Protein backbone atom coordinates (compact mmCIF):
# COMPACT_ATOMS: atom_id res chain seq x y z
CA MET A 1 4.94 10.99 3.89
CA THR A 2 5.31 14.73 4.31
CA ASN A 3 6.19 14.24 8.00
CA PRO A 4 8.32 11.83 10.05
CA SER A 5 6.52 9.21 12.12
CA ASP A 6 7.97 10.67 15.33
CA ASP A 7 5.73 13.67 14.65
CA PHE A 8 2.78 11.43 15.50
CA LEU A 9 3.86 11.44 19.15
CA ASP A 10 2.95 15.15 19.39
CA ALA A 11 -0.23 15.07 17.29
CA ASP A 12 -3.46 16.36 18.85
CA ALA A 13 -5.92 14.71 16.44
CA PHE A 14 -5.41 11.98 13.83
CA PHE A 15 -7.47 11.52 10.68
CA PHE A 16 -7.11 7.83 9.75
CA ILE A 17 -8.73 6.57 6.57
CA GLY A 18 -8.16 3.23 4.85
CA SER A 19 -5.42 2.49 7.34
CA ASN A 20 -5.06 -0.02 10.17
CA PRO A 21 -1.55 0.79 11.42
CA LEU A 22 -1.81 -1.14 14.70
CA GLU A 23 -1.80 -4.34 12.63
CA ALA A 24 -0.40 -3.41 9.22
CA HIS A 25 2.35 -1.00 10.40
CA PRO A 26 2.91 -1.93 14.05
CA VAL A 27 6.10 0.09 14.65
CA ILE A 28 4.34 3.29 13.65
CA GLY A 29 1.22 1.89 15.30
CA ASN A 30 2.98 1.86 18.67
CA LYS A 31 3.75 5.58 18.33
CA ILE A 32 0.10 6.22 17.51
CA LYS A 33 -1.05 4.19 20.52
CA TYR A 34 1.29 6.20 22.75
CA ALA A 35 -0.04 9.51 21.40
CA ILE A 36 -3.65 8.48 22.03
CA LYS A 37 -3.23 6.69 25.37
CA PHE A 38 -0.65 8.87 27.08
CA ASN A 39 -0.64 12.23 25.26
CA GLY A 40 -4.40 12.61 24.89
CA ALA A 41 -4.52 12.71 21.10
CA LYS A 42 -7.96 12.16 19.58
CA ALA A 43 -8.51 9.83 16.65
CA ILE A 44 -10.94 9.93 13.74
CA VAL A 45 -11.05 6.47 12.14
CA ILE A 46 -12.73 5.94 8.77
CA ASP A 47 -12.80 2.16 8.27
CA PRO A 48 -15.48 -0.35 7.20
CA ARG A 49 -14.31 -2.61 10.05
CA ARG A 50 -14.30 -1.97 13.78
CA THR A 51 -10.59 -2.46 14.42
CA GLU A 52 -8.58 -2.01 17.63
CA LEU A 53 -7.79 1.52 16.47
CA ALA A 54 -11.48 2.19 15.87
CA GLU A 55 -12.17 1.13 19.46
CA MET A 56 -9.74 3.84 20.61
CA ALA A 57 -11.23 6.53 18.39
CA GLU A 58 -13.22 9.63 19.28
CA TYR A 59 -15.20 8.99 16.08
CA HIS A 60 -15.40 5.82 14.02
CA VAL A 61 -17.19 5.86 10.66
CA PRO A 62 -17.78 2.37 9.21
CA LEU A 63 -17.60 3.83 5.73
CA ASN A 64 -19.33 1.97 2.93
CA SER A 65 -16.44 0.65 0.85
CA GLY A 66 -15.64 2.70 -2.23
CA THR A 67 -17.38 5.92 -1.14
CA ASP A 68 -14.22 7.72 0.03
CA VAL A 69 -14.32 10.59 -2.49
CA ALA A 70 -17.95 11.36 -1.71
CA PHE A 71 -17.24 11.33 2.03
CA ILE A 72 -14.16 13.59 1.78
CA ASN A 73 -16.02 15.99 -0.52
CA GLY A 74 -18.80 16.06 2.08
CA LEU A 75 -16.32 17.02 4.81
CA MET A 76 -14.87 19.78 2.62
CA HIS A 77 -18.40 21.02 1.90
CA ILE A 78 -18.93 21.46 5.66
CA ILE A 79 -15.52 23.06 6.27
CA ILE A 80 -16.05 25.61 3.49
CA LYS A 81 -19.65 26.32 4.49
CA GLU A 82 -18.76 26.85 8.16
CA GLY A 83 -15.73 29.03 7.41
CA TRP A 84 -13.25 26.58 8.92
CA THR A 85 -10.81 26.91 5.99
CA ASP A 86 -7.39 28.53 6.34
CA ASP A 87 -8.07 31.39 3.96
CA GLU A 88 -4.61 32.97 4.09
CA TYR A 89 -2.97 29.61 3.36
CA ILE A 90 -5.35 28.97 0.45
CA LYS A 91 -4.69 32.45 -0.97
CA THR A 92 -0.90 32.42 -0.72
CA ARG A 93 0.01 28.76 -1.15
CA THR A 94 -2.59 27.11 -3.39
CA ARG A 95 -4.53 27.49 -6.58
CA GLY A 96 -7.77 25.93 -7.80
CA PHE A 97 -9.90 26.70 -4.74
CA GLU A 98 -12.85 28.15 -6.64
CA GLU A 99 -13.02 25.09 -8.89
CA LEU A 100 -12.89 22.82 -5.84
CA LYS A 101 -15.57 24.84 -4.09
CA GLU A 102 -17.84 24.48 -7.12
CA VAL A 103 -17.56 20.69 -7.08
CA VAL A 104 -17.90 20.05 -3.33
CA LYS A 105 -21.02 22.22 -3.05
CA ASN A 106 -22.79 19.27 -4.69
CA TYR A 107 -21.86 17.02 -1.72
CA PRO A 108 -23.91 18.34 1.22
CA PRO A 109 -23.75 16.07 4.30
CA GLU A 110 -27.51 15.53 4.12
CA LYS A 111 -26.93 13.84 0.78
CA VAL A 112 -23.62 12.13 1.58
CA ALA A 113 -23.99 10.79 5.12
CA ALA A 114 -26.36 7.85 4.70
CA PHE A 115 -24.85 6.97 1.32
CA CYS A 116 -21.41 6.67 2.93
CA GLY A 117 -22.53 4.91 6.10
CA THR A 118 -22.72 7.63 8.76
CA ASP A 119 -24.91 10.54 9.90
CA VAL A 120 -24.85 14.31 9.45
CA GLU A 121 -23.96 15.07 13.09
CA THR A 122 -20.89 12.82 12.97
CA MET A 123 -19.72 14.39 9.72
CA TYR A 124 -19.96 17.89 11.27
CA ALA A 125 -18.10 16.75 14.40
CA ILE A 126 -15.31 15.15 12.36
CA ALA A 127 -14.97 18.17 10.05
CA GLU A 128 -14.75 20.54 13.00
CA LEU A 129 -12.26 18.46 14.97
CA TYR A 130 -9.92 18.03 12.01
CA ALA A 131 -10.19 21.58 10.63
CA LYS A 132 -9.76 23.34 13.97
CA THR A 133 -6.88 21.20 15.28
CA GLU A 134 -3.45 22.54 14.35
CA LYS A 135 -1.52 19.30 14.81
CA ALA A 136 -3.71 16.92 12.82
CA PRO A 137 -2.02 14.48 10.43
CA ILE A 138 -3.98 12.64 7.74
CA VAL A 139 -2.84 9.01 7.66
CA TRP A 140 -3.88 6.55 4.99
CA GLY A 141 -2.90 3.14 3.71
CA LEU A 142 -3.82 0.59 1.07
CA GLY A 143 -7.49 0.93 1.99
CA ILE A 144 -7.35 4.22 0.09
CA THR A 145 -5.09 3.30 -2.84
CA GLU A 146 -6.30 -0.23 -3.66
CA HIS A 147 -9.37 0.96 -5.54
CA THR A 148 -10.17 1.82 -9.14
CA THR A 149 -10.47 5.38 -7.76
CA GLY A 150 -7.29 5.19 -5.68
CA VAL A 151 -5.65 8.24 -7.25
CA ASP A 152 -8.85 10.27 -6.83
CA ASN A 153 -8.98 9.19 -3.18
CA VAL A 154 -5.44 10.43 -2.54
CA ILE A 155 -6.00 13.71 -4.40
CA SER A 156 -9.16 14.30 -2.35
CA LEU A 157 -7.20 13.84 0.89
CA SER A 158 -4.60 16.28 -0.41
CA ASN A 159 -7.39 18.78 -1.07
CA LEU A 160 -8.66 18.33 2.51
CA GLY A 161 -5.18 18.92 3.94
CA LEU A 162 -4.58 22.00 1.80
CA ILE A 163 -7.82 23.89 2.44
CA THR A 164 -7.25 23.56 6.19
CA GLY A 165 -3.58 24.60 5.97
CA HIS A 166 -2.31 21.36 7.47
CA VAL A 167 0.50 20.65 4.99
CA GLY A 168 4.05 21.84 5.66
CA LYS A 169 3.65 21.93 9.44
CA PRO A 170 4.95 19.78 12.32
CA SER A 171 2.75 16.88 13.48
CA ALA A 172 0.36 17.34 10.57
CA GLY A 173 0.64 16.80 6.82
CA LEU A 174 -0.24 13.98 4.40
CA ASN A 175 1.07 10.60 5.47
CA PRO A 176 0.62 7.51 3.30
CA LEU A 177 1.92 4.39 5.04
CA ARG A 178 3.73 2.32 2.42
CA GLY A 179 2.71 -1.29 1.96
CA GLN A 180 6.18 -2.73 2.69
CA ASN A 181 9.38 -1.68 4.38
CA ASN A 182 11.26 -0.52 1.28
CA VAL A 183 8.52 0.41 -1.20
CA GLN A 184 9.52 4.06 -0.84
CA GLY A 185 13.14 3.17 -1.54
CA ALA A 186 12.23 1.15 -4.62
CA CYS A 187 10.23 4.05 -6.04
CA ASP A 188 13.10 6.44 -5.25
CA MET A 189 15.40 4.20 -7.31
CA GLY A 190 13.31 4.46 -10.47
CA CYS A 191 11.28 1.27 -10.18
CA LEU A 192 8.26 3.19 -11.44
CA PRO A 193 7.87 2.79 -15.20
CA ASP A 194 7.65 6.52 -15.97
CA THR A 195 10.55 7.90 -13.92
CA TYR A 196 14.29 7.64 -13.52
CA PRO A 197 15.85 7.55 -10.02
CA GLY A 198 14.73 10.62 -8.09
CA TYR A 199 11.44 10.91 -10.06
CA PRO A 200 12.34 12.90 -13.22
CA ARG A 201 10.22 11.77 -16.18
CA VAL A 202 11.75 9.33 -18.65
CA ASP A 203 9.99 11.12 -21.54
CA ASN A 204 11.51 14.51 -20.66
CA PRO A 205 14.20 15.13 -23.35
CA GLU A 206 16.59 16.97 -21.02
CA VAL A 207 16.29 14.30 -18.32
CA HIS A 208 16.72 11.56 -20.90
CA ALA A 209 19.89 13.16 -22.26
CA ARG A 210 21.29 13.58 -18.74
CA PHE A 211 20.85 9.91 -17.86
CA GLU A 212 22.23 8.72 -21.19
CA LYS A 213 25.37 10.72 -20.46
CA LEU A 214 25.52 9.64 -16.81
CA TRP A 215 25.13 5.94 -17.60
CA ASN A 216 26.98 6.02 -20.94
CA ALA A 217 24.16 4.09 -22.57
CA LYS A 218 21.43 4.46 -25.15
CA LEU A 219 18.15 4.61 -23.21
CA SER A 220 14.52 4.40 -24.27
CA ASN A 221 12.47 7.54 -23.72
CA GLU A 222 9.17 5.64 -23.66
CA VAL A 223 7.19 5.10 -20.51
CA GLY A 224 7.39 1.45 -19.44
CA LEU A 225 4.68 -1.00 -18.45
CA MET A 226 2.93 -1.29 -15.12
CA ILE A 227 2.18 -4.70 -13.59
CA PRO A 228 -1.30 -5.22 -15.12
CA GLN A 229 0.11 -4.27 -18.53
CA MET A 230 3.01 -6.70 -18.05
CA MET A 231 0.64 -9.54 -17.21
CA ASN A 232 -1.66 -8.80 -20.13
CA GLY A 233 1.39 -8.44 -22.37
CA ALA A 234 2.65 -11.87 -21.32
CA ILE A 235 -0.69 -13.48 -22.20
CA ASP A 236 -0.85 -11.60 -25.51
CA GLY A 237 2.71 -12.65 -26.38
CA ASN A 238 4.12 -9.12 -26.37
CA VAL A 239 6.14 -9.65 -23.17
CA LYS A 240 8.47 -12.61 -23.67
CA ALA A 241 10.59 -12.75 -20.53
CA MET A 242 10.50 -11.49 -16.98
CA ILE A 243 12.64 -11.32 -13.85
CA ILE A 244 10.71 -11.07 -10.57
CA MET A 245 12.76 -10.18 -7.51
CA GLY A 246 11.39 -10.60 -3.99
CA GLU A 247 7.72 -10.59 -5.01
CA ASP A 248 5.24 -13.45 -4.65
CA ILE A 249 2.69 -12.03 -7.07
CA VAL A 250 0.70 -15.27 -7.31
CA LEU A 251 -0.38 -14.69 -3.71
CA SER A 252 -0.20 -10.92 -3.45
CA ASP A 253 -1.66 -9.64 -6.75
CA PRO A 254 -5.38 -9.56 -7.57
CA ASP A 255 -7.06 -12.20 -9.75
CA ALA A 256 -4.34 -14.78 -9.11
CA ASN A 257 -5.51 -17.16 -11.82
CA HIS A 258 -4.86 -14.42 -14.38
CA ILE A 259 -1.36 -13.96 -12.89
CA LYS A 260 -0.59 -17.70 -13.13
CA LYS A 261 -1.71 -17.74 -16.75
CA ALA A 262 0.56 -14.77 -17.51
CA LEU A 263 3.62 -16.36 -15.89
CA ASP A 264 3.04 -19.63 -17.71
CA SER A 265 2.73 -17.72 -21.01
CA LEU A 266 6.25 -16.29 -20.76
CA GLU A 267 9.00 -17.83 -22.86
CA PHE A 268 11.49 -17.35 -20.02
CA PHE A 269 10.87 -16.47 -16.38
CA VAL A 270 13.47 -15.95 -13.64
CA SER A 271 12.52 -15.75 -9.97
CA ILE A 272 14.98 -14.25 -7.46
CA GLU A 273 13.79 -15.56 -4.10
CA ILE A 274 14.64 -16.76 -0.60
CA PHE A 275 11.78 -19.33 -0.50
CA MET A 276 10.12 -21.66 -2.97
CA SER A 277 7.20 -19.26 -3.23
CA GLU A 278 4.03 -19.82 -5.20
CA THR A 279 5.46 -17.50 -7.87
CA ALA A 280 8.84 -19.26 -7.95
CA LYS A 281 7.08 -22.54 -8.72
CA HIS A 282 6.29 -21.12 -12.20
CA ALA A 283 9.90 -20.06 -12.93
CA ASP A 284 12.33 -21.56 -15.44
CA VAL A 285 15.28 -20.47 -13.29
CA ILE A 286 15.38 -19.64 -9.58
CA LEU A 287 18.30 -17.58 -8.26
CA PRO A 288 18.83 -17.84 -4.48
CA ALA A 289 18.71 -14.40 -2.90
CA ARG A 290 19.69 -13.21 0.56
CA ALA A 291 17.28 -12.16 3.29
CA PHE A 292 17.46 -8.65 4.76
CA ALA A 293 19.71 -9.69 7.66
CA GLU A 294 22.15 -11.37 5.28
CA LYS A 295 23.15 -8.32 3.25
CA ASN A 296 24.37 -4.74 3.35
CA GLY A 297 22.63 -1.70 1.91
CA THR A 298 19.98 0.88 2.71
CA PHE A 299 16.25 0.83 3.32
CA THR A 300 13.98 3.84 2.87
CA PRO A 301 10.60 3.51 4.61
CA SER A 302 7.48 5.67 4.27
CA GLU A 303 9.01 8.70 6.00
CA ARG A 304 11.86 9.00 3.43
CA ARG A 305 14.58 8.31 6.02
CA VAL A 306 17.47 6.48 4.39
CA GLN A 307 18.88 3.93 6.85
CA LEU A 308 21.88 1.60 6.66
CA VAL A 309 21.47 -2.11 7.22
CA ASN A 310 24.44 -4.36 7.87
CA GLU A 311 24.94 -8.08 7.35
CA ALA A 312 24.10 -9.69 10.68
CA VAL A 313 24.24 -13.39 9.76
CA SER A 314 25.97 -15.32 7.02
CA ALA A 315 23.89 -16.29 3.99
CA PRO A 316 23.30 -20.01 3.41
CA GLY A 317 24.52 -22.01 0.44
CA GLU A 318 24.94 -20.08 -2.78
CA ALA A 319 22.64 -17.20 -1.83
CA MET A 320 23.99 -13.89 -3.16
CA PRO A 321 22.96 -10.23 -2.98
CA GLU A 322 20.55 -9.21 -5.74
CA TRP A 323 22.90 -6.44 -6.93
CA TRP A 324 25.58 -9.10 -7.53
CA MET A 325 23.13 -11.10 -9.68
CA ILE A 326 22.22 -8.02 -11.71
CA ARG A 327 25.90 -7.23 -12.23
CA GLU A 328 26.66 -10.78 -13.35
CA ILE A 329 23.69 -10.90 -15.75
CA ALA A 330 24.80 -7.57 -17.24
CA ASN A 331 28.35 -8.83 -17.64
CA ARG A 332 27.20 -12.02 -19.34
CA ILE A 333 25.19 -10.11 -21.95
CA GLY A 334 28.21 -7.96 -22.73
CA ARG A 335 27.67 -4.92 -20.52
CA THR A 336 30.46 -4.17 -18.05
CA ASP A 337 30.64 -0.36 -18.14
CA GLY A 338 28.55 0.97 -15.24
CA PHE A 339 28.33 -2.42 -13.53
CA GLU A 340 31.73 -2.49 -11.84
CA TRP A 341 30.29 -2.51 -8.33
CA GLU A 342 32.10 -4.47 -5.66
CA SER A 343 29.87 -3.48 -2.74
CA ALA A 344 26.53 -1.94 -1.83
CA GLU A 345 28.39 1.27 -1.00
CA ASP A 346 29.65 1.46 -4.61
CA ILE A 347 26.04 1.40 -5.75
CA PHE A 348 25.10 4.08 -3.23
CA GLU A 349 27.71 6.37 -4.81
CA ASP A 350 26.00 5.78 -8.19
CA ILE A 351 22.69 6.72 -6.58
CA ARG A 352 24.16 9.97 -5.25
CA ALA A 353 25.34 10.85 -8.75
CA ALA A 354 21.89 10.16 -10.21
CA ILE A 355 19.68 11.86 -7.59
CA PRO A 356 20.43 15.47 -6.59
CA ALA A 357 18.28 15.11 -3.45
CA TRP A 358 20.61 12.33 -2.21
CA GLN A 359 23.96 14.00 -2.84
CA GLY A 360 24.43 15.04 0.78
CA MET A 361 24.22 11.46 2.03
CA THR A 362 27.15 9.07 2.31
CA TYR A 363 27.64 5.80 4.18
CA PRO A 364 29.77 7.54 6.87
CA ARG A 365 27.06 10.20 7.38
CA LEU A 366 24.27 7.63 7.50
CA ARG A 367 26.24 5.60 10.00
CA LYS A 368 27.09 8.58 12.20
CA GLU A 369 23.65 10.23 12.10
CA HIS A 370 21.57 7.01 12.18
CA GLY A 371 19.86 7.82 8.91
CA LEU A 372 19.01 10.96 6.95
CA THR A 373 15.77 12.09 5.33
CA TRP A 374 15.76 13.19 1.72
CA PRO A 375 15.90 15.79 0.24
CA CYS A 376 19.46 16.08 1.53
CA PRO A 377 21.25 17.83 -1.37
CA THR A 378 24.58 18.84 0.23
CA MET A 379 27.03 17.43 2.76
CA ASP A 380 26.14 20.15 5.30
CA HIS A 381 22.39 19.75 4.80
CA PRO A 382 20.56 18.22 7.82
CA GLY A 383 17.94 16.43 5.72
CA THR A 384 14.25 17.31 5.36
CA PRO A 385 11.99 15.51 7.82
CA ILE A 386 9.04 17.80 7.00
CA LEU A 387 8.24 18.62 3.37
CA HIS A 388 6.67 21.81 1.98
CA ILE A 389 7.50 24.21 4.83
CA GLY A 390 6.97 27.74 3.45
CA LYS A 391 6.44 26.60 -0.14
CA PHE A 392 5.72 23.45 -2.10
CA THR A 393 8.23 21.48 -4.14
CA THR A 394 6.31 22.24 -7.36
CA PRO A 395 8.14 24.37 -9.95
CA ASP A 396 6.27 27.52 -8.85
CA GLY A 397 6.07 26.59 -5.17
CA ILE A 398 2.26 26.49 -5.27
CA GLY A 399 0.05 23.56 -4.23
CA ARG A 400 -2.69 22.35 -6.58
CA LEU A 401 -6.29 21.80 -5.50
CA LEU A 402 -7.76 19.28 -7.91
CA PRO A 403 -11.49 18.61 -7.45
CA ARG A 404 -12.65 15.02 -7.90
CA GLU A 405 -16.13 13.59 -8.43
CA TYR A 406 -17.32 10.32 -6.90
CA ARG A 407 -17.17 7.27 -9.18
CA GLU A 408 -18.58 3.83 -8.42
CA PRO A 409 -16.28 0.85 -7.85
CA ALA A 410 -15.78 -1.56 -10.72
CA GLU A 411 -17.83 -4.29 -9.05
CA LEU A 412 -20.59 -4.19 -6.44
CA PRO A 413 -22.59 -6.99 -4.79
CA ASP A 414 -25.68 -8.22 -6.63
CA GLU A 415 -28.21 -11.02 -6.36
CA GLU A 416 -25.76 -13.70 -7.52
CA TYR A 417 -22.78 -12.44 -5.48
CA PRO A 418 -24.44 -10.66 -2.54
CA ILE A 419 -21.51 -10.12 -0.16
CA LEU A 420 -18.78 -7.47 -0.38
CA LEU A 421 -15.30 -8.88 0.31
CA ASN A 422 -12.59 -6.60 1.71
CA THR A 423 -8.99 -7.75 2.14
CA GLY A 424 -6.03 -6.70 4.27
CA ARG A 425 -3.51 -7.85 6.87
CA ARG A 426 -3.41 -9.10 10.42
CA LEU A 427 -0.80 -8.44 13.07
CA GLY A 428 0.44 -12.03 13.33
CA HIS A 429 1.86 -12.17 9.80
CA TYR A 430 3.70 -9.94 7.32
CA ASN A 431 2.55 -10.35 3.74
CA VAL A 432 3.18 -13.94 2.57
CA THR A 433 6.72 -14.62 3.82
CA THR A 434 6.21 -15.04 7.57
CA ARG A 435 4.24 -18.26 7.06
CA TYR A 436 7.67 -19.91 6.96
CA SER A 437 8.21 -18.91 10.61
CA ASP A 438 7.17 -21.71 12.95
CA THR A 439 6.71 -19.24 15.80
CA LEU A 440 4.40 -16.86 13.92
CA ASN A 441 2.61 -19.74 12.25
CA ALA A 442 1.85 -21.22 15.66
CA ILE A 443 0.20 -17.94 16.68
CA ASN A 444 -1.82 -17.57 13.45
CA PRO A 445 -1.85 -20.99 11.77
CA TYR A 446 -4.76 -20.50 9.36
CA GLU A 447 -7.08 -17.98 7.79
CA THR A 448 -10.32 -17.07 9.55
CA ALA A 449 -12.62 -14.99 7.37
CA TYR A 450 -14.63 -12.39 9.29
CA ILE A 451 -18.37 -12.73 8.76
CA HIS A 452 -21.26 -10.91 10.48
CA PRO A 453 -23.50 -12.88 12.89
CA SER A 454 -26.62 -12.22 10.81
CA ASP A 455 -24.96 -13.64 7.68
CA ALA A 456 -23.62 -16.61 9.65
CA ALA A 457 -27.11 -17.36 10.99
CA GLU A 458 -28.61 -17.12 7.52
CA LEU A 459 -26.02 -19.59 6.17
CA GLY A 460 -26.11 -21.92 9.19
CA ILE A 461 -22.44 -21.24 9.98
CA GLU A 462 -20.81 -21.61 13.40
CA GLU A 463 -17.43 -20.42 14.68
CA LEU A 464 -14.47 -22.04 12.82
CA ASP A 465 -16.75 -23.79 10.34
CA PHE A 466 -15.42 -24.14 6.80
CA ILE A 467 -16.93 -22.11 3.98
CA ARG A 468 -16.38 -21.80 0.25
CA VAL A 469 -16.06 -18.22 -0.96
CA THR A 470 -16.61 -17.72 -4.69
CA SER A 471 -16.27 -14.67 -6.92
CA ARG A 472 -16.46 -14.28 -10.69
CA ARG A 473 -12.75 -15.11 -10.83
CA GLY A 474 -12.22 -18.05 -8.51
CA SER A 475 -13.11 -19.99 -5.38
CA VAL A 476 -11.34 -20.66 -2.05
CA VAL A 477 -12.13 -22.53 1.15
CA THR A 478 -11.47 -21.01 4.57
CA ARG A 479 -12.45 -21.21 8.21
CA VAL A 480 -14.60 -18.40 9.60
CA THR A 481 -14.83 -16.27 12.70
CA ILE A 482 -18.18 -14.68 13.48
CA THR A 483 -17.92 -11.05 14.55
CA ASP A 484 -19.80 -7.77 14.37
CA ALA A 485 -16.49 -6.03 13.59
CA VAL A 486 -17.70 -6.30 9.99
CA LYS A 487 -21.07 -5.07 8.77
CA PRO A 488 -23.86 -7.33 7.47
CA LYS A 489 -23.29 -8.46 3.89
CA ASN A 490 -19.60 -7.65 4.28
CA MET A 491 -16.68 -9.99 4.98
CA PHE A 492 -12.95 -9.62 5.48
CA MET A 493 -10.02 -11.90 4.60
CA THR A 494 -6.23 -11.60 4.60
CA PHE A 495 -3.79 -12.67 1.89
CA HIS A 496 -1.22 -14.37 4.15
CA PHE A 497 -2.43 -17.94 3.67
CA LYS A 498 -1.75 -19.97 0.54
CA GLU A 499 -4.18 -22.60 1.86
CA SER A 500 -6.93 -20.00 1.34
CA PRO A 501 -5.47 -17.75 -1.39
CA VAL A 502 -7.82 -14.80 -1.23
CA ASN A 503 -6.42 -13.20 -4.37
CA ASP A 504 -7.98 -15.99 -6.39
CA LEU A 505 -11.13 -13.97 -5.67
CA THR A 506 -10.11 -10.32 -5.92
CA ASN A 507 -10.81 -8.06 -8.84
CA SER A 508 -8.01 -7.12 -11.25
CA ALA A 509 -9.87 -3.98 -12.34
CA PHE A 510 -7.39 -1.18 -11.71
CA ASP A 511 -7.04 2.55 -11.28
CA PRO A 512 -6.48 4.07 -14.74
CA VAL A 513 -3.55 6.20 -13.53
CA SER A 514 -1.71 4.14 -10.90
CA MET A 515 -2.95 0.77 -12.25
CA THR A 516 -3.33 -0.47 -8.69
CA GLY A 517 -5.85 -3.31 -8.47
CA GLU A 518 -9.15 -3.01 -6.61
CA TYR A 519 -8.32 -5.43 -3.79
CA LYS A 520 -10.75 -3.79 -1.39
CA ILE A 521 -14.04 -4.44 -3.22
CA SER A 522 -15.02 -7.80 -4.69
CA ALA A 523 -18.49 -9.32 -4.90
CA VAL A 524 -18.64 -12.89 -3.56
CA LYS A 525 -21.05 -15.61 -2.50
CA VAL A 526 -20.57 -17.92 0.48
CA GLU A 527 -21.62 -21.51 1.20
CA LYS A 528 -20.90 -23.85 4.07
CA VAL A 529 -18.76 -26.89 3.23
CA LYS A 530 -17.47 -29.96 5.03
CA ILE A 531 -13.84 -30.96 5.21
CA LYS A 532 -13.02 -34.67 4.84
CA GLU A 533 -13.26 -36.37 8.20
CA GLU A 534 -9.57 -37.25 8.41
CA TYR A 535 -8.56 -33.59 8.02
CA LYS A 536 -11.23 -31.65 9.94
CA ASP A 537 -9.19 -31.27 13.16
CA GLU A 538 -5.82 -30.83 11.44
CA VAL A 539 -3.93 -27.64 10.65
CA LEU A 540 -2.38 -28.56 7.32
CA ARG A 541 0.23 -26.01 6.40
CA PHE A 542 0.40 -24.95 2.74
CA VAL A 543 -2.21 -27.54 1.64
CA PRO A 544 -5.01 -25.86 -0.39
CA LEU A 545 -8.22 -26.37 1.56
CA THR A 546 -10.16 -26.71 -1.70
CA GLU A 547 -8.51 -30.12 -2.10
CA LEU A 548 -9.86 -31.33 1.26
CA VAL A 549 -13.55 -30.54 0.78
CA GLU A 550 -15.88 -33.50 1.15
CA VAL A 551 -17.80 -33.95 -2.11
CA GLU A 552 -21.49 -34.60 -1.54
């Protein structure tokens, strides 16, 4: 995020796309609700579903899934045509405008509107409201990135923010809401396969030499593998062993049957977990980790604010911090230099040495100031809540406008699989771990797939009936709820429920740059099924519903 979430409280108009923060990011969602309900902020919501946020919006566009680039190009076409651009900002702070202008001229709203699922008048109204409002943040989530065109989607939103001069200003900017509470922190630490901690490239010779000296170790200068490449490599026999820490990829990654095959193809697989997850069931060794409240360290959420967490409760049994496990594994394979840590604070000092933008942060400062936002390069630096004020963090200080053309999704509905499946989250659960909470499970005990009344009538389905949903990759059984919050020939499911593991269905086609899977668009077919009489009124936790279907 270029801006802190507290900036949302003072926003005048939000541009939400592929984001449902009231359910998926409820802490930030509460700030957004406050801004809209009490401060009079207007909301533009671009979402295939009619969510609670969409109900609060000035404009809601039920965008046809996968048409984001075309829609954003259409908005930029209007903004440029009507002279609503920030010309001085474009001239002094960006480059590539003429190339962008040449591409978006081919996306007039008369051509784009119906294709994307809206009308010309709404597109003009949205373009004017966003372009002419000074405090107007763009906010997006996994509904933008989980596509085969995810990178193009994000670049297009960056283009929109730049031509209107909305980047580098309070209560505006470009604000991706990260999928989990420490995804930003993991990326900062070098968990991306092409960067070291702090984001310098591993294949940059100077960077490579610096980290070899810093860590007193011989390092590879080759870019590593992303998750789809790891899974394919396991099946091909090129990846022999794997450690998975705090991830239940069997439930959370697309095309789950492919993931299971990959894990079972490994010669050695270690799972570091706090539950016997679906992924841990495939492991050769399970190491018992600690939950967030059982350990010390820092978390860095979407807004880049590094925050201390302290051990609040004692860990059970032999559960240990993950850093301790990594240290012990390193020691046992003969590496002690660089792994002498005795505490999370020792590791934080290593981080400060590795990342110049973190050198102004220490545990005492974080404790005293209740968190600091990187970049924070010196001990007297206050941190940087808003990025790109005055100039960009590129080497020349200039922002790039990079035009993008619309590309079709990898898979669209057809005669055999006529319904488009979209996936996401619901407020009652967080990813796949909260199903172990009796309280939350009592509130949301089972999956209910959203299906439109016209499709339900066609299939002879009533509320809470059981259906089988089948894609080219797998089949699951789930209950349904009938609602016009989804469009005809569209349905929505979440990935919280192992009884109805939706990622058995989703498409593992991925963006060629980020290699993020296309969770948001899968073609499926639906049929009504009966559950065996003895189970039909039961809520059976963790029992796959496919095993309970009555065979005719």
